[in-house]
């Protein structure tokens, strides 16, 4: 799962209620969620969901496409 907002330069902006987004990903059966790095530090883990932080859209896409899961 991916959650966040991008700026015009491709940067990922901080996500409000990041822990809520992680819980929703777990509830829907996702095993990974990629959110802005600044929000990943404070996000509470939920279930078996791995929380990954990315600084830019290109970094998030690389994370999403590697490993195929």
PDB file of N, CA and C in Angstrom:
ATOM      1  N   UNK A   1       0.852  -1.177   0.000  1.00  0.00           N
ATOM      2  CA  UNK A   1       0.000   0.000   0.000  1.00  0.00           C
ATOM      3  C   UNK A   1       0.897   1.239   0.000  1.00  0.00           C
ATOM      4  N   UNK A   2       0.403   2.289  -0.589  1.00  0.00           N
ATOM      5  CA  UNK A   2       1.096   3.579  -0.598  1.00  0.00           C
ATOM      6  C   UNK A   2       0.142   4.622  -0.035  1.00  0.00           C
ATOM      7  N   UNK A   3       0.658   5.508   0.799  1.00  0.00           N
ATOM      8  CA  UNK A   3      -0.166   6.587   1.336  1.00  0.00           C
ATOM      9  C   UNK A   3       0.676   7.848   1.419  1.00  0.00           C
ATOM     10  N   UNK A   4       0.107   8.969   1.022  1.00  0.00           N
ATOM     11  CA  UNK A   4       0.831  10.220   1.130  1.00  0.00           C
ATOM     12  C   UNK A   4       0.429  11.206   0.051  1.00  0.00           C
ATOM     13  N   UNK A   5       1.138  12.303   0.045  1.00  0.00           N
ATOM     14  CA  UNK A   5       0.893  13.381  -0.902  1.00  0.00           C
ATOM     15  C   UNK A   5       2.237  13.823  -1.456  1.00  0.00           C
ATOM     16  N   UNK A   6       2.288  14.061  -2.763  1.00  0.00           N
ATOM     17  CA  UNK A   6       3.539  14.495  -3.382  1.00  0.00           C
ATOM     18  C   UNK A   6       3.497  15.973  -3.702  1.00  0.00           C
ATOM     19  N   UNK A   7       4.654  16.584  -3.619  1.00  0.00           N
ATOM     20  CA  UNK A   7       4.798  17.966  -4.033  1.00  0.00           C
ATOM     21  C   UNK A   7       5.147  18.014  -5.517  1.00  0.00           C
ATOM     22  N   UNK A   8       5.184  19.199  -6.083  1.00  0.00           N
ATOM     23  CA  UNK A   8       5.486  19.349  -7.510  1.00  0.00           C
ATOM     24  C   UNK A   8       6.876  18.843  -7.878  1.00  0.00           C
ATOM     25  N   UNK A   9       7.794  18.873  -6.928  1.00  0.00           N
ATOM     26  CA  UNK A   9       9.159  18.401  -7.175  1.00  0.00           C
ATOM     27  C   UNK A   9       9.335  16.914  -6.918  1.00  0.00           C
ATOM     28  N   UNK A  10       8.251  16.209  -6.594  1.00  0.00           N
ATOM     29  CA  UNK A  10       8.331  14.777  -6.341  1.00  0.00           C
ATOM     30  C   UNK A  10       8.605  14.420  -4.892  1.00  0.00           C
ATOM     31  N   UNK A  11       8.755  15.416  -4.038  1.00  0.00           N
ATOM     32  CA  UNK A  11       8.996  15.128  -2.616  1.00  0.00           C
ATOM     33  C   UNK A  11       7.694  14.646  -1.973  1.00  0.00           C
ATOM     34  N   UNK A  12       7.825  13.805  -0.961  1.00  0.00           N
ATOM     35  CA  UNK A  12       6.654  13.321  -0.237  1.00  0.00           C
ATOM     36  C   UNK A  12       6.449  14.198   0.994  1.00  0.00           C
ATOM     37  N   UNK A  13       5.275  14.710   1.123  1.00  0.00           N
ATOM     38  CA  UNK A  13       4.945  15.600   2.234  1.00  0.00           C
ATOM     39  C   UNK A  13       4.510  14.785   3.443  1.00  0.00           C
ATOM     40  N   UNK A  14       4.700  15.323   4.640  1.00  0.00           N
ATOM     41  CA  UNK A  14       4.306  14.598   5.858  1.00  0.00           C
ATOM     42  C   UNK A  14       2.834  14.187   5.810  1.00  0.00           C
ATOM     43  N   UNK A  15       2.569  13.029   6.379  1.00  0.00           N
ATOM     44  CA  UNK A  15       1.242  12.431   6.371  1.00  0.00           C
ATOM     45  C   UNK A  15       0.614  12.582   7.748  1.00  0.00           C
ATOM     46  N   UNK A  16      -0.581  13.131   7.793  1.00  0.00           N
ATOM     47  CA  UNK A  16      -1.296  13.221   9.062  1.00  0.00           C
ATOM     48  C   UNK A  16      -1.924  11.870   9.379  1.00  0.00           C
ATOM     49  N   UNK A  17      -2.021  11.548  10.646  1.00  0.00           N
ATOM     50  CA  UNK A  17      -2.639  10.302  11.116  1.00  0.00           C
ATOM     51  C   UNK A  17      -2.010   9.076  10.457  1.00  0.00           C
ATOM     52  N   UNK A  18      -0.670   9.039  10.448  1.00  0.00           N
ATOM     53  CA  UNK A  18       0.036   7.936   9.796  1.00  0.00           C
ATOM     54  C   UNK A  18      -0.275   6.591  10.445  1.00  0.00           C
ATOM     55  N   UNK A  19      -0.428   6.557  11.745  1.00  0.00           N
ATOM     56  CA  UNK A  19      -0.744   5.297  12.426  1.00  0.00           C
ATOM     57  C   UNK A  19      -2.095   4.750  11.971  1.00  0.00           C
ATOM     58  N   UNK A  20      -3.038   5.645  11.720  1.00  0.00           N
ATOM     59  CA  UNK A  20      -4.354   5.234  11.219  1.00  0.00           C
ATOM     60  C   UNK A  20      -4.226   4.609   9.829  1.00  0.00           C
ATOM     61  N   UNK A  21      -3.361   5.162   9.002  1.00  0.00           N
ATOM     62  CA  UNK A  21      -3.150   4.618   7.655  1.00  0.00           C
ATOM     63  C   UNK A  21      -2.536   3.218   7.731  1.00  0.00           C
ATOM     64  N   UNK A  22      -1.619   3.027   8.674  1.00  0.00           N
ATOM     65  CA  UNK A  22      -0.988   1.715   8.853  1.00  0.00           C
ATOM     66  C   UNK A  22      -2.028   0.694   9.319  1.00  0.00           C
ATOM     67  N   UNK A  23      -2.889   1.071  10.247  1.00  0.00           N
ATOM     68  CA  UNK A  23      -3.952   0.172  10.717  1.00  0.00           C
ATOM     69  C   UNK A  23      -4.890  -0.213   9.577  1.00  0.00           C
ATOM     70  N   UNK A  24      -5.235   0.752   8.739  1.00  0.00           N
ATOM     71  CA  UNK A  24      -6.110   0.470   7.600  1.00  0.00           C
ATOM     72  C   UNK A  24      -5.451  -0.507   6.626  1.00  0.00           C
ATOM     73  N   UNK A  25      -4.161  -0.332   6.380  1.00  0.00           N
ATOM     74  CA  UNK A  25      -3.435  -1.250   5.492  1.00  0.00           C
ATOM     75  C   UNK A  25      -3.473  -2.663   6.060  1.00  0.00           C
ATOM     76  N   UNK A  26      -3.265  -2.798   7.362  1.00  0.00           N
ATOM     77  CA  UNK A  26      -3.309  -4.113   8.015  1.00  0.00           C
ATOM     78  C   UNK A  26      -4.704  -4.718   7.910  1.00  0.00           C
ATOM     79  N   UNK A  27      -5.700  -3.907   8.122  1.00  0.00           N
ATOM     80  CA  UNK A  27      -7.078  -4.379   8.083  1.00  0.00           C
ATOM     81  C   UNK A  27      -7.459  -4.904   6.690  1.00  0.00           C
ATOM     82  N   UNK A  28      -6.862  -4.323   5.674  1.00  0.00           N
ATOM     83  CA  UNK A  28      -7.167  -4.724   4.300  1.00  0.00           C
ATOM     84  C   UNK A  28      -6.213  -5.800   3.775  1.00  0.00           C
ATOM     85  N   UNK A  29      -5.343  -6.300   4.641  1.00  0.00           N
ATOM     86  CA  UNK A  29      -4.491  -7.432   4.277  1.00  0.00           C
ATOM     87  C   UNK A  29      -3.166  -7.103   3.618  1.00  0.00           C
ATOM     88  N   UNK A  30      -2.779  -5.835   3.587  1.00  0.00           N
ATOM     89  CA  UNK A  30      -1.488  -5.479   3.007  1.00  0.00           C
ATOM     90  C   UNK A  30      -0.366  -5.915   3.933  1.00  0.00           C
ATOM     91  N   UNK A  31       0.768  -6.269   3.357  1.00  0.00           N
ATOM     92  CA  UNK A  31       1.930  -6.672   4.156  1.00  0.00           C
ATOM     93  C   UNK A  31       2.955  -5.551   4.284  1.00  0.00           C
ATOM     94  N   UNK A  32       2.886  -4.555   3.388  1.00  0.00           N
ATOM     95  CA  UNK A  32       3.802  -3.407   3.425  1.00  0.00           C
ATOM     96  C   UNK A  32       3.013  -2.146   3.147  1.00  0.00           C
ATOM     97  N   UNK A  33       3.485  -1.051   3.737  1.00  0.00           N
ATOM     98  CA  UNK A  33       2.940   0.261   3.397  1.00  0.00           C
ATOM     99  C   UNK A  33       4.114   1.219   3.272  1.00  0.00           C
ATOM    100  N   UNK A  34       4.083   2.024   2.241  1.00  0.00           N
ATOM    101  CA  UNK A  34       5.121   3.033   2.016  1.00  0.00           C
ATOM    102  C   UNK A  34       4.485   4.383   2.271  1.00  0.00           C
ATOM    103  N   UNK A  35       5.084   5.121   3.202  1.00  0.00           N
ATOM    104  CA  UNK A  35       4.601   6.449   3.567  1.00  0.00           C
ATOM    105  C   UNK A  35       5.796   7.402   3.600  1.00  0.00           C
ATOM    106  N   UNK A  36       5.560   8.710   3.682  1.00  0.00           N
ATOM    107  CA  UNK A  36       6.682   9.651   3.762  1.00  0.00           C
ATOM    108  C   UNK A  36       7.611   9.311   4.933  1.00  0.00           C
ATOM    109  N   UNK A  37       8.904   9.399   4.693  1.00  0.00           N
ATOM    110  CA  UNK A  37       9.903   9.063   5.714  1.00  0.00           C
ATOM    111  C   UNK A  37       9.683   9.852   7.006  1.00  0.00           C
ATOM    112  N   UNK A  38       9.319  11.113   6.885  1.00  0.00           N
ATOM    113  CA  UNK A  38       9.115  11.934   8.078  1.00  0.00           C
ATOM    114  C   UNK A  38       7.948  11.431   8.924  1.00  0.00           C
ATOM    115  N   UNK A  39       6.987  10.774   8.308  1.00  0.00           N
ATOM    116  CA  UNK A  39       5.838  10.240   9.029  1.00  0.00           C
ATOM    117  C   UNK A  39       6.078   8.808   9.507  1.00  0.00           C
ATOM    118  N   UNK A  40       6.963   8.090   8.842  1.00  0.00           N
ATOM    119  CA  UNK A  40       7.229   6.690   9.190  1.00  0.00           C
ATOM    120  C   UNK A  40       7.844   6.566  10.574  1.00  0.00           C
ATOM    121  N   UNK A  41       8.606   7.550  10.970  1.00  0.00           N
ATOM    122  CA  UNK A  41       9.269   7.501  12.286  1.00  0.00           C
ATOM    123  C   UNK A  41       8.269   7.473  13.426  1.00  0.00           C
ATOM    124  N   UNK A  42       7.155   8.162  13.265  1.00  0.00           N
ATOM    125  CA  UNK A  42       6.177   8.260  14.347  1.00  0.00           C
ATOM    126  C   UNK A  42       4.994   7.306  14.196  1.00  0.00           C
ATOM    127  N   UNK A  43       4.923   6.602  13.072  1.00  0.00           N
ATOM    128  CA  UNK A  43       3.791   5.693  12.832  1.00  0.00           C
ATOM    129  C   UNK A  43       3.883   4.482  13.746  1.00  0.00           C
ATOM    130  N   UNK A  44       2.783   4.128  14.372  1.00  0.00           N
ATOM    131  CA  UNK A  44       2.733   2.932  15.202  1.00  0.00           C
ATOM    132  C   UNK A  44       2.487   1.730  14.312  1.00  0.00           C
ATOM    133  N   UNK A  45       3.218   0.668  14.582  1.00  0.00           N
ATOM    134  CA  UNK A  45       3.067  -0.552  13.796  1.00  0.00           C
ATOM    135  C   UNK A  45       1.731  -1.204  14.108  1.00  0.00           C
ATOM    136  N   UNK A  46       1.210  -1.931  13.144  1.00  0.00           N
ATOM    137  CA  UNK A  46      -0.063  -2.620  13.325  1.00  0.00           C
ATOM    138  C   UNK A  46       0.016  -3.976  12.647  1.00  0.00           C
ATOM    139  N   UNK A  47      -0.215  -5.033  13.396  1.00  0.00           N
ATOM    140  CA  UNK A  47      -0.172  -6.368  12.827  1.00  0.00           C
ATOM    141  C   UNK A  47       1.181  -6.679  12.234  1.00  0.00           C
ATOM    142  N   UNK A  48       1.163  -7.339  11.090  1.00  0.00           N
ATOM    143  CA  UNK A  48       2.396  -7.740  10.423  1.00  0.00           C
ATOM    144  C   UNK A  48       2.786  -6.790   9.297  1.00  0.00           C
ATOM    145  N   UNK A  49       2.247  -5.592   9.307  1.00  0.00           N
ATOM    146  CA  UNK A  49       2.526  -4.641   8.233  1.00  0.00           C
ATOM    147  C   UNK A  49       3.910  -4.018   8.434  1.00  0.00           C
ATOM    148  N   UNK A  50       4.740  -4.123   7.398  1.00  0.00           N
ATOM    149  CA  UNK A  50       6.054  -3.488   7.412  1.00  0.00           C
ATOM    150  C   UNK A  50       5.886  -2.049   6.935  1.00  0.00           C
ATOM    151  N   UNK A  51       6.371  -1.093   7.719  1.00  0.00           N
ATOM    152  CA  UNK A  51       6.250   0.321   7.368  1.00  0.00           C
ATOM    153  C   UNK A  51       7.581   0.783   6.782  1.00  0.00           C
ATOM    154  N   UNK A  52       7.527   1.274   5.545  1.00  0.00           N
ATOM    155  CA  UNK A  52       8.709   1.779   4.860  1.00  0.00           C
ATOM    156  C   UNK A  52       8.555   3.273   4.645  1.00  0.00           C
ATOM    157  N   UNK A  53       9.631   4.017   4.861  1.00  0.00           N
ATOM    158  CA  UNK A  53       9.599   5.459   4.655  1.00  0.00           C
ATOM    159  C   UNK A  53      10.383   5.862   3.428  1.00  0.00           C
ATOM    160  N   UNK A  54       9.813   6.738   2.625  1.00  0.00           N
ATOM    161  CA  UNK A  54      10.467   7.229   1.409  1.00  0.00           C
ATOM    162  C   UNK A  54      10.468   8.755   1.435  1.00  0.00           C
ATOM    163  N   UNK A  55      11.510   9.342   0.860  1.00  0.00           N
ATOM    164  CA  UNK A  55      11.626  10.798   0.823  1.00  0.00           C
ATOM    165  C   UNK A  55      11.016  11.396  -0.447  1.00  0.00           C
ATOM    166  N   UNK A  56      10.953  10.589  -1.511  1.00  0.00           N
ATOM    167  CA  UNK A  56      10.460  11.109  -2.792  1.00  0.00           C
ATOM    168  C   UNK A  56       9.586  10.067  -3.485  1.00  0.00           C
ATOM    169  N   UNK A  57       8.850  10.516  -4.479  1.00  0.00           N
ATOM    170  CA  UNK A  57       7.998   9.622  -5.243  1.00  0.00           C
ATOM    171  C   UNK A  57       8.827   8.559  -5.952  1.00  0.00           C
ATOM    172  N   UNK A  58       9.955   8.946  -6.518  1.00  0.00           N
ATOM    173  CA  UNK A  58      10.801   7.970  -7.221  1.00  0.00           C
ATOM    174  C   UNK A  58      11.329   6.908  -6.255  1.00  0.00           C
ATOM    175  N   UNK A  59      11.695   7.308  -5.046  1.00  0.00           N
ATOM    176  CA  UNK A  59      12.160   6.353  -4.041  1.00  0.00           C
ATOM    177  C   UNK A  59      11.021   5.412  -3.638  1.00  0.00           C
ATOM    178  N   UNK A  60       9.826   5.940  -3.486  1.00  0.00           N
ATOM    179  CA  UNK A  60       8.662   5.117  -3.131  1.00  0.00           C
ATOM    180  C   UNK A  60       8.376   4.099  -4.227  1.00  0.00           C
ATOM    181  N   UNK A  61       8.461   4.520  -5.476  1.00  0.00           N
ATOM    182  CA  UNK A  61       8.220   3.598  -6.587  1.00  0.00           C
ATOM    183  C   UNK A  61       9.271   2.500  -6.651  1.00  0.00           C
ATOM    184  N   UNK A  62      10.519   2.855  -6.402  1.00  0.00           N
ATOM    185  CA  UNK A  62      11.580   1.841  -6.370  1.00  0.00           C
ATOM    186  C   UNK A  62      11.288   0.808  -5.289  1.00  0.00           C
ATOM    187  N   UNK A  63      10.891   1.278  -4.098  1.00  0.00           N
ATOM    188  CA  UNK A  63      10.570   0.371  -2.993  1.00  0.00           C
ATOM    189  C   UNK A  63       9.385  -0.526  -3.349  1.00  0.00           C
ATOM    190  N   UNK A  64       8.384   0.051  -3.990  1.00  0.00           N
ATOM    191  CA  UNK A  64       7.182  -0.695  -4.333  1.00  0.00           C
ATOM    192  C   UNK A  64       7.471  -1.774  -5.376  1.00  0.00           C
ATOM    193  N   UNK A  65       8.367  -1.496  -6.292  1.00  0.00           N
ATOM    194  CA  UNK A  65       8.615  -2.420  -7.389  1.00  0.00           C
ATOM    195  C   UNK A  65       9.670  -3.476  -7.079  1.00  0.00           C
ATOM    196  N   UNK A  66      10.526  -3.245  -6.098  1.00  0.00           N
ATOM    197  CA  UNK A  66      11.541  -4.254  -5.782  1.00  0.00           C
ATOM    198  C   UNK A  66      10.915  -5.354  -4.925  1.00  0.00           C
ATOM    199  N   UNK A  67      11.216  -6.549  -5.212  1.00  0.00           N
ATOM    200  CA  UNK A  67      10.713  -7.674  -4.430  1.00  0.00           C
ATOM    201  C   UNK A  67       9.363  -8.183  -4.861  1.00  0.00           C
ATOM    202  N   UNK A  68       8.582  -7.397  -5.555  1.00  0.00           N
ATOM    203  CA  UNK A  68       7.305  -7.851  -6.072  1.00  0.00           C
ATOM    204  C   UNK A  68       6.253  -8.214  -5.054  1.00  0.00           C
ATOM    205  N   UNK A  69       6.382  -7.795  -3.782  1.00  0.00           N
ATOM    206  CA  UNK A  69       5.334  -8.136  -2.814  1.00  0.00           C
ATOM    207  C   UNK A  69       4.621  -6.948  -2.378  1.00  0.00           C
TER     208      UNK A  69
END
